[in-house]
Amino acid sequence: MYLTPSKCPICGETLLVTRLICPACDTGIQGRFQFSRIEQLNPDQLAFVELFVRCEGKLNWVAQELKISYPTVRARLEEAIRGMGYEVRDAPPAEERQRHAEQRQAILDDLAVGKITSVEAVRQLQSI
């Protein structure tokens, strides 16, 4: 059995399923059925997502499995995200990540010397 094509081979738009049939009893259902987001992926993207799940979402494991660089894995992940119709979020700039790291460390330092409680530390960390 073949995988169901989700894109029109002529214009590239998403196809619409109008009939489903049970192979056991031959019951047919007619209507207009949409593909799930994951079914909109091309075969390469779907294979990547399956590997990503098997690797428990760890990009470095995916890179090792495919024997490709981490940036290439990241690019393929972003391609799959777009293939499902989502927007890829931009990573925060390095200076913002550094500032957040410093803020987190300051909170942990305050907690270590008893300046704040653990409840307050959690609240502050969640607000970053």
C-alpha atoms as a PDB file:
ATOM      1  CA  MET A   1       0.000   0.000   0.000  1.00  0.00           C
ATOM      2  CA  TYR A   2       1.269   3.496  -0.815  1.00  0.00           C
ATOM      3  CA  LEU A   3       1.456   6.492   1.517  1.00  0.00           C
ATOM      4  CA  THR A   4      -1.352   8.957   0.910  1.00  0.00           C
ATOM      5  CA  PRO A   5      -0.126  11.977  -1.034  1.00  0.00           C
ATOM      6  CA  SER A   6      -1.010  15.165   0.819  1.00  0.00           C
ATOM      7  CA  LYS A   7       0.040  17.717  -1.821  1.00  0.00           C
ATOM      8  CA  CYS A   8      -1.316  18.189  -5.339  1.00  0.00           C
ATOM      9  CA  PRO A   9       1.320  17.091  -7.871  1.00  0.00           C
ATOM     10  CA  ILE A  10       0.247  19.914 -10.203  1.00  0.00           C
ATOM     11  CA  CYS A  11       0.006  23.032  -8.011  1.00  0.00           C
ATOM     12  CA  GLY A  12       1.418  21.900  -4.648  1.00  0.00           C
ATOM     13  CA  GLU A  13      -1.680  22.771  -2.615  1.00  0.00           C
ATOM     14  CA  THR A  14      -2.925  20.476   0.163  1.00  0.00           C
ATOM     15  CA  LEU A  15      -5.244  17.741  -1.100  1.00  0.00           C
ATOM     16  CA  LEU A  16      -8.636  17.020   0.458  1.00  0.00           C
ATOM     17  CA  VAL A  17      -9.696  13.430   1.194  1.00  0.00           C
ATOM     18  CA  THR A  18     -13.320  12.800   0.250  1.00  0.00           C
ATOM     19  CA  ARG A  19     -13.750   9.058   0.778  1.00  0.00           C
ATOM     20  CA  LEU A  20     -12.494   6.543   3.344  1.00  0.00           C
ATOM     21  CA  ILE A  21     -13.012   2.782   3.060  1.00  0.00           C
ATOM     22  CA  CYS A  22     -12.623   0.077   5.714  1.00  0.00           C
ATOM     23  CA  PRO A  23     -10.508  -2.731   4.218  1.00  0.00           C
ATOM     24  CA  ALA A  24     -12.105  -5.326   6.539  1.00  0.00           C
ATOM     25  CA  CYS A  25     -15.811  -4.761   5.896  1.00  0.00           C
ATOM     26  CA  ASP A  26     -15.754  -2.430   2.867  1.00  0.00           C
ATOM     27  CA  THR A  27     -17.730   0.278   4.693  1.00  0.00           C
ATOM     28  CA  GLY A  28     -17.262   3.616   2.953  1.00  0.00           C
ATOM     29  CA  ILE A  29     -17.447   7.070   4.466  1.00  0.00           C
ATOM     30  CA  GLN A  30     -17.791  10.133   2.273  1.00  0.00           C
ATOM     31  CA  GLY A  31     -17.134  13.691   3.314  1.00  0.00           C
ATOM     32  CA  ARG A  32     -14.350  16.245   3.389  1.00  0.00           C
ATOM     33  CA  PHE A  33     -11.454  15.171   5.585  1.00  0.00           C
ATOM     34  CA  GLN A  34      -8.300  17.158   6.277  1.00  0.00           C
ATOM     35  CA  PHE A  35      -4.842  15.736   6.760  1.00  0.00           C
ATOM     36  CA  SER A  36      -3.202  16.178  10.136  1.00  0.00           C
ATOM     37  CA  ARG A  37      -0.212  18.504  10.212  1.00  0.00           C
ATOM     38  CA  ILE A  38       2.208  15.590  10.331  1.00  0.00           C
ATOM     39  CA  GLU A  39       0.614  14.060   7.221  1.00  0.00           C
ATOM     40  CA  GLN A  40       1.453  17.250   5.320  1.00  0.00           C
ATOM     41  CA  LEU A  41       5.168  16.454   5.518  1.00  0.00           C
ATOM     42  CA  ASN A  42       6.985  15.107   2.478  1.00  0.00           C
ATOM     43  CA  PRO A  43       8.567  11.630   2.885  1.00  0.00           C
ATOM     44  CA  ASP A  44      12.016  13.029   3.800  1.00  0.00           C
ATOM     45  CA  GLN A  45      10.550  15.368   6.419  1.00  0.00           C
ATOM     46  CA  LEU A  46       8.424  12.564   7.880  1.00  0.00           C
ATOM     47  CA  ALA A  47      11.454  10.254   8.116  1.00  0.00           C
ATOM     48  CA  PHE A  48      13.348  13.040   9.900  1.00  0.00           C
ATOM     49  CA  VAL A  49      10.511  13.621  12.394  1.00  0.00           C
ATOM     50  CA  GLU A  50      10.294   9.877  13.100  1.00  0.00           C
ATOM     51  CA  LEU A  51      14.050   9.783  13.780  1.00  0.00           C
ATOM     52  CA  PHE A  52      13.747  12.931  15.929  1.00  0.00           C
ATOM     53  CA  VAL A  53      11.108  11.194  18.058  1.00  0.00           C
ATOM     54  CA  ARG A  54      13.164   7.973  18.300  1.00  0.00           C
ATOM     55  CA  CYS A  55      16.108  10.128  19.464  1.00  0.00           C
ATOM     56  CA  GLU A  56      13.846  11.620  22.167  1.00  0.00           C
ATOM     57  CA  GLY A  57      14.123  15.102  20.663  1.00  0.00           C
ATOM     58  CA  LYS A  58      17.878  15.294  21.159  1.00  0.00           C
ATOM     59  CA  LEU A  59      19.366  17.006  18.110  1.00  0.00           C
ATOM     60  CA  ASN A  60      22.891  15.794  18.870  1.00  0.00           C
ATOM     61  CA  TRP A  61      21.653  12.171  18.758  1.00  0.00           C
ATOM     62  CA  VAL A  62      19.963  12.863  15.409  1.00  0.00           C
ATOM     63  CA  ALA A  63      23.225  14.359  14.113  1.00  0.00           C
ATOM     64  CA  GLN A  64      25.132  11.235  15.181  1.00  0.00           C
ATOM     65  CA  GLU A  65      22.548   8.917  13.647  1.00  0.00           C
ATOM     66  CA  LEU A  66      22.524  10.751  10.303  1.00  0.00           C
ATOM     67  CA  LYS A  67      26.257  11.551  10.419  1.00  0.00           C
ATOM     68  CA  ILE A  68      25.592  15.209   9.679  1.00  0.00           C
ATOM     69  CA  SER A  69      26.398  18.431  11.515  1.00  0.00           C
ATOM     70  CA  TYR A  70      24.243  19.899  14.272  1.00  0.00           C
ATOM     71  CA  PRO A  71      23.423  23.020  12.150  1.00  0.00           C
ATOM     72  CA  THR A  72      22.226  20.746   9.328  1.00  0.00           C
ATOM     73  CA  VAL A  73      20.001  18.845  11.774  1.00  0.00           C
ATOM     74  CA  ARG A  74      18.647  22.161  13.063  1.00  0.00           C
ATOM     75  CA  ALA A  75      17.897  23.278   9.481  1.00  0.00           C
ATOM     76  CA  ARG A  76      16.043  20.021   8.767  1.00  0.00           C
ATOM     77  CA  LEU A  77      14.021  20.411  11.951  1.00  0.00           C
ATOM     78  CA  GLU A  78      13.050  23.938  10.932  1.00  0.00           C
ATOM     79  CA  GLU A  79      12.086  22.646   7.476  1.00  0.00           C
ATOM     80  CA  ALA A  80       9.813  20.036   9.095  1.00  0.00           C
ATOM     81  CA  ILE A  81       8.287  22.678  11.373  1.00  0.00           C
ATOM     82  CA  ARG A  82       7.474  24.819   8.333  1.00  0.00           C
ATOM     83  CA  GLY A  83       6.218  21.731   6.485  1.00  0.00           C
ATOM     84  CA  MET A  84       3.586  21.288   9.192  1.00  0.00           C
ATOM     85  CA  GLY A  85       2.462  24.879   8.713  1.00  0.00           C
ATOM     86  CA  TYR A  86       4.085  26.390  11.791  1.00  0.00           C
ATOM     87  CA  GLU A  87       6.430  29.360  11.977  1.00  0.00           C
ATOM     88  CA  VAL A  88       9.976  28.801  13.170  1.00  0.00           C
ATOM     89  CA  ARG A  89      10.819  30.938  16.179  1.00  0.00           C
ATOM     90  CA  ASP A  90      14.019  32.904  16.059  1.00  0.00           C
ATOM     91  CA  ALA A  91      16.462  32.186  18.858  1.00  0.00           C
ATOM     92  CA  PRO A  92      16.993  35.140  21.167  1.00  0.00           C
ATOM     93  CA  PRO A  93      20.152  37.127  20.463  1.00  0.00           C
ATOM     94  CA  ALA A  94      23.321  36.016  22.267  1.00  0.00           C
ATOM     95  CA  GLU A  95      23.341  39.104  24.487  1.00  0.00           C
ATOM     96  CA  GLU A  96      19.784  38.384  25.655  1.00  0.00           C
ATOM     97  CA  ARG A  97      20.664  34.745  26.410  1.00  0.00           C
ATOM     98  CA  GLN A  98      23.734  35.954  28.343  1.00  0.00           C
ATOM     99  CA  ARG A  99      21.644  38.461  30.316  1.00  0.00           C
ATOM    100  CA  HIS A 100      19.126  35.730  31.203  1.00  0.00           C
ATOM    101  CA  ALA A 101      21.941  33.415  32.313  1.00  0.00           C
ATOM    102  CA  GLU A 102      23.316  36.158  34.562  1.00  0.00           C
ATOM    103  CA  GLN A 103      19.857  36.831  36.009  1.00  0.00           C
ATOM    104  CA  ARG A 104      19.346  33.124  36.731  1.00  0.00           C
ATOM    105  CA  GLN A 105      22.759  32.886  38.394  1.00  0.00           C
ATOM    106  CA  ALA A 106      22.031  35.951  40.565  1.00  0.00           C
ATOM    107  CA  ILE A 107      18.774  34.355  41.724  1.00  0.00           C
ATOM    108  CA  LEU A 108      20.567  31.094  42.555  1.00  0.00           C
ATOM    109  CA  ASP A 109      23.267  33.029  44.418  1.00  0.00           C
ATOM    110  CA  ASP A 110      20.599  34.857  46.453  1.00  0.00           C
ATOM    111  CA  LEU A 111      18.979  31.513  47.251  1.00  0.00           C
ATOM    112  CA  ALA A 112      22.317  29.976  48.290  1.00  0.00           C
ATOM    113  CA  VAL A 113      23.031  32.719  50.842  1.00  0.00           C
ATOM    114  CA  GLY A 114      19.471  32.708  52.200  1.00  0.00           C
ATOM    115  CA  LYS A 115      18.536  36.095  50.804  1.00  0.00           C
ATOM    116  CA  ILE A 116      15.376  34.621  49.205  1.00  0.00           C
ATOM    117  CA  THR A 117      13.282  31.498  49.783  1.00  0.00           C
ATOM    118  CA  SER A 118      13.070  28.599  47.347  1.00  0.00           C
ATOM    119  CA  VAL A 119       9.488  29.598  46.529  1.00  0.00           C
ATOM    120  CA  GLU A 120      10.639  33.125  45.686  1.00  0.00           C
ATOM    121  CA  ALA A 121      13.545  31.741  43.626  1.00  0.00           C
ATOM    122  CA  VAL A 122      11.176  29.583  41.579  1.00  0.00           C
ATOM    123  CA  ARG A 123       8.854  32.538  41.013  1.00  0.00           C
ATOM    124  CA  GLN A 124      11.735  34.751  39.878  1.00  0.00           C
ATOM    125  CA  LEU A 125      13.205  32.063  37.612  1.00  0.00           C
ATOM    126  CA  GLN A 126       9.839  31.500  35.948  1.00  0.00           C
ATOM    127  CA  SER A 127       9.514  35.210  35.220  1.00  0.00           C
ATOM    128  CA  ILE A 128      12.726  35.315  33.177  1.00  0.00           C
END
